[in-house]
Protein backbone atom coordinates (compact mmCIF):
# COMPACT_ATOMS: atom_id res chain seq x y z
CA MET A 1 0.00 0.00 0.00
CA ILE A 2 1.24 3.49 -0.86
CA ILE A 3 1.10 6.07 1.89
CA ASP A 4 -0.76 8.49 -0.33
CA ASP A 5 -3.60 5.95 -0.66
CA LEU A 6 -4.39 6.13 3.11
CA PRO A 7 -7.76 7.73 3.91
CA THR A 8 -7.54 11.29 5.07
CA PHE A 9 -9.01 12.09 8.57
CA VAL A 10 -10.46 15.53 8.89
CA PRO A 11 -11.34 16.52 12.50
CA PRO A 12 -14.75 18.02 13.05
CA VAL A 13 -14.95 21.77 13.38
CA CYS A 14 -15.89 22.80 16.98
CA PRO A 15 -17.92 25.90 17.52
CA ARG A 16 -16.03 28.85 18.97
CA PRO A 17 -16.66 29.11 22.74
CA LEU A 18 -18.35 32.17 24.04
CA PRO A 19 -16.02 34.53 25.82
CA LEU A 20 -16.69 35.34 29.48
CA ILE A 21 -16.37 38.97 30.43
CA ILE A 22 -16.04 39.57 34.15
CA GLY A 23 -16.09 42.93 35.75
CA THR A 24 -17.81 44.90 32.93
CA ASP A 25 -21.21 45.17 31.24
CA ILE A 26 -19.80 46.58 27.94
CA PRO A 27 -20.13 44.20 24.88
CA HIS A 28 -16.94 42.71 23.53
CA ALA A 29 -15.48 44.98 20.90
CA ALA A 30 -14.33 42.17 18.66
CA ASN A 31 -17.80 40.90 17.81
CA ASN A 32 -19.87 44.00 18.68
CA GLY A 33 -21.74 42.27 21.51
CA ALA A 34 -22.63 39.14 19.54
CA ASN A 35 -22.34 35.77 21.25
CA THR A 36 -21.21 37.41 24.48
CA LYS A 37 -22.27 36.30 28.01
CA LEU A 38 -22.00 38.88 30.74
CA ILE A 39 -21.31 37.89 34.36
CA PRO A 40 -21.43 40.61 36.97
CA SER A 41 -18.27 40.87 39.09
CA PRO A 42 -18.66 39.87 42.75
CA THR A 43 -18.44 42.74 45.19
CA PRO A 44 -17.01 41.74 48.59
CA PRO A 45 -19.17 42.84 51.50
CA VAL A 46 -17.71 45.42 53.83
CA PRO A 47 -17.65 44.34 57.50
CA ALA A 48 -19.58 46.44 59.97
CA LYS A 49 -17.52 49.13 61.62
CA GLY A 50 -15.85 48.11 64.90
CA ARG A 51 -16.50 44.35 64.47
CA ILE A 52 -14.25 41.48 63.46
CA ALA A 53 -15.68 39.40 60.63
CA ILE A 54 -14.45 36.01 59.41
CA GLN A 55 -15.38 34.36 56.12
CA MET A 56 -16.93 30.92 56.83
CA GLY A 57 -17.30 29.11 53.52
CA ALA A 58 -20.70 29.13 51.90
CA LYS A 59 -22.28 31.10 54.73
CA GLY A 60 -20.15 34.10 53.95
CA TRP A 61 -18.86 36.48 56.58
CA GLN A 62 -19.91 35.69 60.19
CA SER A 63 -19.70 37.89 63.26
CA ASN A 64 -17.51 36.89 66.19
CA GLY A 65 -20.58 36.27 68.33
CA SER A 66 -21.99 33.56 66.08
CA TRP A 67 -21.95 29.86 67.10
CA GLU A 68 -19.48 28.87 64.38
CA VAL A 69 -16.93 31.56 65.21
CA GLY A 70 -16.78 31.98 68.98
CA GLY A 71 -20.02 30.81 70.47
CA ALA A 72 -19.20 27.10 70.61
CA MET A 73 -15.76 27.68 72.10
CA THR A 74 -17.15 30.04 74.73
CA PHE A 75 -19.93 27.60 75.67
CA PHE A 76 -17.58 24.63 76.12
CA PHE A 77 -15.08 26.76 78.05
CA ILE A 78 -17.79 27.71 80.54
CA VAL A 79 -18.94 24.07 80.84
CA HIS A 80 -15.37 22.84 81.50
CA ALA A 81 -14.70 25.59 84.03
CA LEU A 82 -17.84 24.71 85.99
CA MET A 83 -17.05 20.98 85.82
CA PHE A 84 -13.48 21.34 87.11
CA PHE A 85 -14.63 23.78 89.79
CA TRP A 86 -17.05 21.20 91.22
CA ILE A 87 -14.43 18.43 91.01
CA LYS A 88 -11.93 20.59 92.92
CA LEU A 89 -14.59 21.50 95.49
CA TYR A 90 -15.43 17.82 96.00
CA ILE A 91 -11.78 16.85 96.51
CA ASP A 92 -11.20 19.68 99.00
CA TYR A 93 -14.36 18.77 100.88
CA ASN A 94 -13.18 15.18 101.34
CA GLU A 95 -9.75 16.39 102.49
CA VAL A 96 -11.22 18.68 105.14
CA ARG A 97 -13.71 16.07 106.32
CA ALA A 98 -10.95 13.46 106.62
CA SER A 99 -8.75 15.81 108.64
CA PHE A 100 -11.58 16.51 111.09
CA LYS A 101 -12.24 12.79 111.38
CA ILE A 102 -8.58 12.06 112.17
CA GLY A 103 -8.48 14.86 114.71
CA GLY A 104 -11.62 13.61 116.39
CA THR A 105 -10.51 9.99 116.70
CA SER A 106 -6.88 10.51 117.76
CA ASN A 107 -7.86 11.32 121.34
CA ASN A 108 -10.06 8.23 121.53
CA ASN A 109 -7.17 5.98 120.54
CA GLU A 110 -4.65 7.69 122.84
CA ASN A 111 -5.30 5.40 125.80
CA THR A 112 -4.91 2.30 123.64
CA GLN A 113 -1.64 3.63 122.20
CA ILE A 114 -0.25 4.36 125.70
CA GLU A 115 -1.18 0.88 126.93
CA MET A 116 0.71 -0.75 124.06
CA GLU A 117 3.69 1.61 124.42
CA ASP A 118 7.01 0.24 125.64
CA GLU A 119 8.07 1.32 129.11
CA ASP A 120 11.35 2.96 128.03
CA VAL A 121 9.64 4.69 125.10
CA ARG A 122 6.93 6.05 127.39
CA VAL A 123 9.48 7.41 129.89
CA GLU A 124 11.32 9.24 127.09
CA ARG A 125 8.07 10.63 125.65
CA VAL A 126 6.87 11.90 129.04
CA ARG A 127 10.27 13.52 129.70
CA ILE A 128 10.17 15.35 126.36
CA ASP A 129 6.54 16.43 126.80
CA SER A 130 7.33 17.81 130.25
CA PHE A 131 10.00 20.25 129.11
CA ILE A 132 8.27 21.06 125.80
CA ASN A 133 5.19 22.17 127.74
CA GLY A 134 7.35 23.89 130.35
CA ASN A 135 10.61 25.75 129.93
CA ALA A 136 11.36 24.41 126.46
CA GLN A 137 14.09 26.81 125.35
CA THR A 138 16.23 26.22 128.43
CA GLU A 139 16.06 22.43 128.13
CA LEU A 140 16.49 22.32 124.35
CA LYS A 141 19.71 24.33 124.53
CA LYS A 142 21.31 21.64 126.68
CA ASP A 143 23.67 19.19 124.99
CA ALA A 144 21.49 16.29 126.18
CA ASN A 145 18.68 17.48 123.88
CA HIS A 146 20.70 18.66 120.89
CA ILE A 147 18.22 16.86 118.59
CA ALA A 148 14.67 16.37 119.82
CA CYS A 149 11.58 14.84 118.23
CA ALA A 150 8.30 15.47 120.03
CA ASN A 151 5.36 13.28 118.96
CA LEU A 152 6.24 13.28 115.26
CA GLU A 153 3.41 12.09 113.02
CA LYS A 154 3.19 11.71 109.27
CA THR A 155 0.19 10.48 107.27
CA TYR A 156 0.05 9.81 103.54
CA LYS A 157 -3.12 9.59 101.49
CA ILE A 158 -3.47 6.21 99.80
CA GLY A 159 -4.00 6.35 96.05
CA GLY A 160 -2.88 9.94 95.46
CA ILE A 161 -4.75 13.23 95.44
CA LEU A 162 -7.34 12.16 92.85
CA ASN A 163 -8.49 9.30 95.07
CA CYS A 164 -11.70 10.53 96.67
CA SER A 165 -11.62 8.01 99.53
CA ASN A 166 -10.56 9.06 103.02
CA GLU A 167 -8.15 6.16 103.50
CA LYS A 168 -4.76 7.25 104.87
CA LYS A 169 -1.58 5.48 105.95
CA LEU A 170 0.05 6.52 109.22
CA ALA A 171 3.74 6.25 108.35
CA VAL A 172 5.08 7.78 111.59
CA ASP A 173 2.99 7.47 114.74
CA GLY A 174 3.93 9.72 117.66
CA VAL A 175 7.72 9.21 117.66
CA SER A 176 9.62 10.96 120.48
CA PHE A 177 13.34 10.79 121.25
CA THR A 178 16.38 12.98 121.88
CA VAL A 179 20.00 12.73 120.80
CA GLN A 180 22.81 14.01 123.00
CA LYS A 181 25.64 15.99 121.46
CA GLY A 182 28.70 13.85 120.82
CA THR A 183 26.71 10.62 120.51
CA CYS A 184 25.23 8.50 117.74
CA PHE A 185 21.60 7.37 117.82
CA ALA A 186 20.86 4.29 115.68
CA LEU A 187 17.31 4.35 114.34
CA LEU A 188 16.62 0.77 113.23
CA GLY A 189 13.65 -1.01 111.74
CA PRO A 190 12.55 -3.11 108.77
CA ASN A 191 11.68 -1.55 105.43
CA GLY A 192 8.49 0.48 105.69
CA ALA A 193 8.82 1.10 109.42
CA GLY A 194 9.02 4.91 109.02
CA LYS A 195 12.75 5.62 109.41
CA THR A 196 13.19 7.58 106.17
CA SER A 197 9.93 9.49 106.76
CA THR A 198 11.25 10.55 110.18
CA MET A 199 14.51 11.76 108.62
CA SER A 200 12.59 13.55 105.86
CA MET A 201 10.53 15.49 108.40
CA LEU A 202 13.63 16.58 110.32
CA THR A 203 15.29 17.82 107.12
CA GLY A 204 12.18 19.52 105.71
CA VAL A 205 11.90 17.18 102.72
CA THR A 206 8.33 16.39 103.79
CA SER A 207 6.01 18.37 106.03
CA LEU A 208 4.95 17.26 109.51
CA THR A 209 1.37 16.13 110.00
CA ASN A 210 1.68 16.62 113.74
CA GLY A 211 4.35 17.12 116.40
CA GLU A 212 7.58 19.09 116.22
CA GLY A 213 11.26 18.54 115.56
CA TYR A 214 14.10 20.55 117.11
CA ILE A 215 17.65 21.02 115.82
CA ASN A 216 19.80 22.75 118.44
CA SER A 217 16.59 24.27 119.97
CA MET A 218 15.33 25.51 116.54
CA LYS A 219 11.95 24.31 115.28
CA VAL A 220 12.01 22.65 111.87
CA THR A 221 8.53 23.99 111.11
CA THR A 222 9.35 27.67 111.61
CA SER A 223 13.17 28.01 111.65
CA LEU A 224 14.24 25.48 109.05
CA ASN A 225 16.57 27.89 107.24
CA GLU A 226 18.48 28.51 110.46
CA ALA A 227 18.50 24.79 111.27
CA TYR A 228 20.07 24.04 107.88
CA LYS A 229 23.20 25.91 109.00
CA GLU A 230 23.69 23.29 111.74
CA MET A 231 22.76 20.25 109.68
CA GLY A 232 24.42 17.81 107.29
CA PHE A 233 22.31 15.23 105.47
CA CYS A 234 23.34 12.09 103.61
CA PRO A 235 20.20 10.84 101.79
CA GLN A 236 19.67 7.23 100.87
CA PHE A 237 19.28 8.14 97.19
CA GLY A 238 19.95 11.20 95.04
CA GLY A 239 21.72 14.41 95.95
CA LEU A 240 24.28 14.11 93.12
CA PHE A 241 24.40 15.74 89.69
CA ASP A 242 25.29 13.41 86.82
CA PHE A 243 27.42 15.91 84.87
CA LEU A 244 29.42 17.37 87.75
CA SER A 245 32.75 15.92 88.81
CA VAL A 246 33.62 14.98 92.38
CA ARG A 247 35.54 18.21 92.95
CA GLU A 248 32.81 20.30 91.33
CA HIS A 249 30.26 18.76 93.71
CA LEU A 250 32.33 19.74 96.71
CA GLU A 251 32.98 23.22 95.34
CA PHE A 252 29.27 23.73 94.69
CA TYR A 253 28.18 22.69 98.18
CA CYS A 254 30.98 24.69 99.79
CA THR A 255 29.62 27.74 97.96
CA VAL A 256 26.09 26.92 99.13
CA ARG A 257 27.43 26.85 102.68
CA GLY A 258 28.88 30.34 102.14
CA MET A 259 32.45 29.19 102.65
CA PRO A 260 35.18 31.67 101.64
CA MET A 261 37.67 30.67 98.95
CA SER A 262 40.54 30.46 101.44
CA LYS A 263 38.81 27.64 103.36
CA LYS A 264 37.11 26.03 100.36
CA ASN A 265 40.25 24.47 98.88
CA GLN A 266 41.44 23.34 102.29
CA THR A 267 38.08 21.65 103.02
CA ILE A 268 37.92 19.92 99.65
CA THR A 269 41.47 18.56 99.97
CA PHE A 270 40.75 17.27 103.47
CA LEU A 271 37.52 15.49 102.48
CA LEU A 272 39.03 13.94 99.34
CA ASP A 273 41.89 12.55 101.39
CA LYS A 274 39.71 11.44 104.32
CA LEU A 275 37.28 9.44 102.17
CA GLY A 276 39.78 8.19 99.60
CA LEU A 277 38.39 10.10 96.62
CA GLU A 278 41.62 11.68 95.32
CA GLU A 279 41.95 9.34 92.34
CA HIS A 280 38.31 9.99 91.38
CA ASN A 281 38.69 13.75 91.69
CA SER A 282 37.88 14.58 88.06
CA LYS A 283 35.34 11.83 87.36
CA LEU A 284 31.70 12.69 86.71
CA SER A 285 29.36 11.37 89.37
CA LYS A 286 27.56 9.14 86.86
CA GLU A 287 30.90 7.39 86.22
CA LEU A 288 31.42 6.53 89.91
CA SER A 289 30.69 3.15 91.42
CA GLY A 290 27.95 2.78 94.01
CA GLY A 291 30.41 2.79 96.88
CA ASN A 292 32.19 5.93 95.72
CA LYS A 293 28.85 7.68 95.28
CA ARG A 294 28.06 6.93 98.93
CA LYS A 295 31.47 8.31 99.94
CA LEU A 296 30.81 11.47 97.93
CA SER A 297 27.42 11.87 99.64
CA MET A 298 29.15 11.50 103.01
CA ALA A 299 31.73 14.14 102.04
CA ILE A 300 28.95 16.56 101.05
CA ALA A 301 27.17 15.99 104.38
CA MET A 302 30.37 16.77 106.31
CA ILE A 303 31.07 20.11 104.61
CA GLY A 304 31.22 22.92 107.17
CA LYS A 305 31.57 20.59 110.20
CA PRO A 306 27.82 20.53 110.99
CA SER A 307 26.83 19.89 114.58
CA VAL A 308 24.00 17.58 113.42
CA LEU A 309 24.48 14.71 110.96
CA LEU A 310 21.54 12.73 109.57
CA LEU A 311 22.80 9.62 107.77
CA ASP A 312 20.21 7.52 105.97
CA GLU A 313 21.88 4.15 105.28
CA PRO A 314 25.25 5.67 104.26
CA THR A 315 26.84 2.24 103.59
CA ALA A 316 23.97 0.59 101.73
CA GLY A 317 25.22 -1.58 98.86
CA VAL A 318 28.95 -0.95 99.30
CA ASP A 319 31.81 -3.41 99.72
CA PRO A 320 33.36 -4.09 103.17
CA ALA A 321 36.47 -1.99 102.51
CA ILE A 322 34.48 1.15 101.68
CA ARG A 323 32.09 0.43 104.55
CA ARG A 324 34.97 0.35 106.99
CA ALA A 325 36.31 3.67 105.68
CA VAL A 326 32.91 5.35 106.06
CA VAL A 327 32.43 3.94 109.58
CA GLU A 328 35.86 5.25 110.64
CA VAL A 329 34.99 8.73 109.36
CA ILE A 330 31.65 8.70 111.22
CA ASP A 331 33.41 7.64 114.41
CA GLN A 332 35.88 10.52 114.12
CA VAL A 333 33.27 13.25 113.52
CA LYS A 334 31.00 11.89 116.27
CA ALA A 335 32.98 13.66 118.99
CA THR A 336 31.70 17.10 117.90
CA SER A 337 28.37 16.17 116.32
CA SER A 338 25.02 14.61 117.10
CA ILE A 339 24.33 11.78 114.66
CA ILE A 340 21.17 9.92 113.67
CA LEU A 341 22.09 6.77 111.76
CA THR A 342 19.78 4.37 109.96
CA THR A 343 21.26 1.06 108.80
CA HIS A 344 20.56 -2.65 108.43
CA ILE A 345 24.11 -3.66 109.39
CA MET A 346 24.27 -4.47 113.09
CA GLU A 347 28.08 -4.34 113.21
CA GLU A 348 27.91 -0.61 112.45
CA VAL A 349 25.42 -0.10 115.26
CA GLU A 350 27.63 -1.92 117.76
CA ALA A 351 30.69 0.09 116.67
CA LEU A 352 29.12 3.57 116.55
CA SER A 353 25.93 3.89 118.58
CA GLU A 354 25.37 4.64 122.24
CA ILE A 355 21.55 4.65 122.01
CA VAL A 356 19.37 2.39 119.86
CA GLY A 357 15.73 2.72 118.85
CA ILE A 358 13.77 0.18 116.80
CA MET A 359 10.71 1.27 114.82
CA VAL A 360 7.87 -1.08 113.89
CA ASN A 361 4.90 0.10 111.79
CA GLY A 362 5.66 3.76 112.40
CA LYS A 363 6.06 3.45 116.19
CA LEU A 364 9.16 3.44 118.34
CA SER A 365 8.99 -0.03 119.90
CA CYS A 366 12.11 0.12 122.10
CA TYR A 367 14.62 2.74 123.18
CA GLY A 368 17.82 2.57 125.21
CA SER A 369 21.44 1.55 125.23
CA LEU A 370 22.46 -1.63 123.44
CA GLN A 371 23.27 -3.55 126.61
CA HIS A 372 20.04 -2.39 128.27
CA LEU A 373 17.94 -3.68 125.38
CA VAL A 374 19.78 -7.01 125.27
CA ASN A 375 19.34 -7.50 129.01
CA ARG A 376 15.70 -6.51 128.96
CA PHE A 377 14.48 -8.43 125.93
CA GLY A 378 17.07 -11.20 126.08
CA THR A 379 15.52 -13.15 128.95
CA TYR A 380 16.86 -16.37 127.44
CA PHE A 381 19.99 -17.92 125.99
CA VAL A 382 20.06 -18.82 122.32
CA MET A 383 21.32 -22.36 121.62
CA GLU A 384 22.21 -23.45 118.10
CA ILE A 385 23.03 -27.10 117.33
CA ARG A 386 24.39 -28.41 114.05
CA SER A 387 24.41 -32.20 113.58
CA LYS A 388 26.50 -34.20 111.13
CA LYS A 389 23.42 -35.90 109.69
CA GLU A 390 19.90 -34.63 109.33
CA GLU A 391 18.63 -38.06 110.40
CA ASN A 392 19.88 -37.35 113.94
CA TRP A 393 17.29 -34.62 114.44
CA GLU A 394 14.77 -36.76 116.32
CA ALA A 395 17.36 -38.03 118.83
CA ILE A 396 18.66 -34.50 119.44
CA ASP A 397 15.13 -33.16 119.89
CA ASN A 398 14.24 -35.83 122.46
CA TYR A 399 17.46 -35.32 124.42
CA VAL A 400 17.20 -31.51 124.57
CA ARG A 401 13.57 -31.64 125.73
CA SER A 402 14.39 -34.22 128.39
CA ILE A 403 17.35 -32.37 129.87
CA PHE A 404 15.78 -28.86 129.57
CA PRO A 405 12.02 -29.14 130.26
CA THR A 406 11.36 -25.40 129.78
CA VAL A 407 13.27 -25.13 126.49
CA LEU A 408 11.50 -23.46 123.56
CA PHE A 409 12.11 -24.71 120.02
CA VAL A 410 12.47 -21.84 117.55
CA GLU A 411 13.27 -23.24 114.11
CA LYS A 412 15.07 -25.95 112.14
CA HIS A 413 16.87 -25.59 108.84
CA PHE A 414 18.31 -28.78 107.35
CA ASN A 415 20.63 -30.18 110.04
CA GLN A 416 20.77 -26.99 112.18
CA SER A 417 18.25 -26.22 114.94
CA THR A 418 17.74 -23.17 117.18
CA TRP A 419 16.41 -23.19 120.76
CA ARG A 420 15.70 -20.73 123.55
CA LEU A 421 16.83 -21.55 127.08
CA PRO A 422 15.19 -19.40 129.83
CA LYS A 423 17.85 -17.73 131.97
CA SER A 424 15.72 -18.08 135.11
CA ASP A 425 15.55 -21.89 134.88
CA ILE A 426 18.80 -22.98 133.25
CA ALA A 427 22.36 -22.20 134.30
CA LEU A 428 24.78 -21.55 131.46
CA SER A 429 27.35 -24.01 132.84
CA LYS A 430 24.74 -26.76 133.09
CA ALA A 431 23.68 -26.22 129.49
CA PHE A 432 27.25 -26.51 128.19
CA ARG A 433 27.93 -29.62 130.27
CA ALA A 434 24.75 -31.37 129.11
CA ILE A 435 25.47 -30.85 125.39
CA GLU A 436 29.18 -31.65 125.70
CA ASN A 437 28.45 -35.02 127.36
CA LYS A 438 26.27 -36.17 124.44
CA LYS A 439 28.16 -34.50 121.59
CA LYS A 440 29.76 -37.70 120.23
CA GLU A 441 26.78 -39.96 120.85
CA LEU A 442 24.35 -37.61 119.03
CA GLU A 443 26.93 -36.84 116.29
CA ILE A 444 26.78 -33.09 116.94
CA GLU A 445 29.19 -31.28 114.66
CA ASN A 446 29.20 -28.01 116.63
CA TYR A 447 26.97 -25.99 118.96
CA ALA A 448 26.81 -22.53 120.49
CA ILE A 449 25.04 -21.04 123.49
CA SER A 450 25.00 -17.25 123.75
CA GLN A 451 22.94 -14.34 124.95
CA LEU A 452 20.58 -12.52 122.61
CA SER A 453 22.49 -10.56 119.96
CA LEU A 454 21.44 -7.23 118.48
CA GLU A 455 20.71 -8.90 115.15
CA GLN A 456 18.40 -11.43 116.83
CA LEU A 457 16.71 -8.61 118.72
CA PHE A 458 16.20 -6.73 115.45
CA LEU A 459 14.72 -9.81 113.77
CA LYS A 460 12.40 -10.29 116.73
CA PHE A 461 10.85 -6.85 116.17
CA ALA A 462 10.92 -7.23 112.39
CA LYS A 463 8.69 -10.30 112.72
CA LEU A 464 6.17 -8.21 114.64
CA GLN A 465 5.82 -5.84 111.69
CA ALA A 466 5.44 -8.75 109.27
CA GLU A 467 2.71 -10.30 111.44
CA GLU A 468 0.77 -7.03 111.73
CA GLU A 469 0.95 -6.51 107.95
CA GLU A 470 -0.43 -10.01 107.35
CA GLU A 471 -3.28 -9.41 109.80
CA GLY A 472 -4.07 -6.06 108.14
């Protein structure tokens, strides 16, 4: 096929579209008005004087008072404001009602609390109440009352502030004690007993629900800023800045204390040397080990030679070498300071403390010197027997009960058993002689008879808290 033989396609002729003229009513000059469609030009409306107008789609310009512009927002704002106002009023009402209820029932439970109170704790509380209600300033300025707590109470609302129930937890329940200058008071107790809450109230970290604390005769509720000048605090957690070095921490807290530059360098050098932090001088705190962080916290607490030191578990989670260094430092500064120490390590208590108090469920359950508490609560000897074979347990049990009729069995773990021998009925020499005579026959590997230790006394009170929690 030849290309010229292909059929020719001629496109249809389209009519010429009509021109649109906008903005004029004069006919188009090119065609003298023929085939011309006129559209009037839109004229924007002019807003009313003094009002703000907004164009809202097809509805055109709307005033600011219309529902679409500001009416809906204003309506919902008013509804939300009223709703939150009533919620806040309801929460405040429950708070006030709960406080009146607590105040009304505390007096009714006072007699029950006094009846359950330990004798030594009651004597100390009555002594403090007597001079607080009398000539307080004279007594509080004495070295014997360098730190004083008078009926400290702290309650926490369970569930947070948005919980509308009136249920509260009494974390500290009427704690009273004093600390003499130049001595260390060990405040012991299981976790949750209220030790940290007591320290927090004395340092102003948390407010007091009731009672009063005194630091060198100054009230922590009204003269806390002045009390801070006498106080050094080593918290259980926190207090360090991640991106400051060891030296920068000490320089910062020396500046906070208002220490002049001439004494600042001397103090920092002394503390670094005393706590063995020279080689970590330029390290950031986040790069320090747990033990060195505790040493740095101790160094910060000692800046300015405060007359009151509050140490909340200063050796928690550190190795024995660092623990020994910290204990030695505490023992050296004790001569010029009053120290409150919380710890779970009984060796520290025996090495540092003159007075011991054990808290259980927010209450001070015992108070006195270490030997006084051991003599008072240790009315029995503790006998521990370890046999070579666990199968010998029945023979040992029968023999011990036959030779010591008033013995009390405590516990058995594998081939080791623990007993209590009343001091009033059993002589220590007789107990040793009876076990020694049957040691080979009963295949006893070793045994020990001793008076109640501080650790056993602590565990005795710790079990009381566990039992009360299970009953609750």
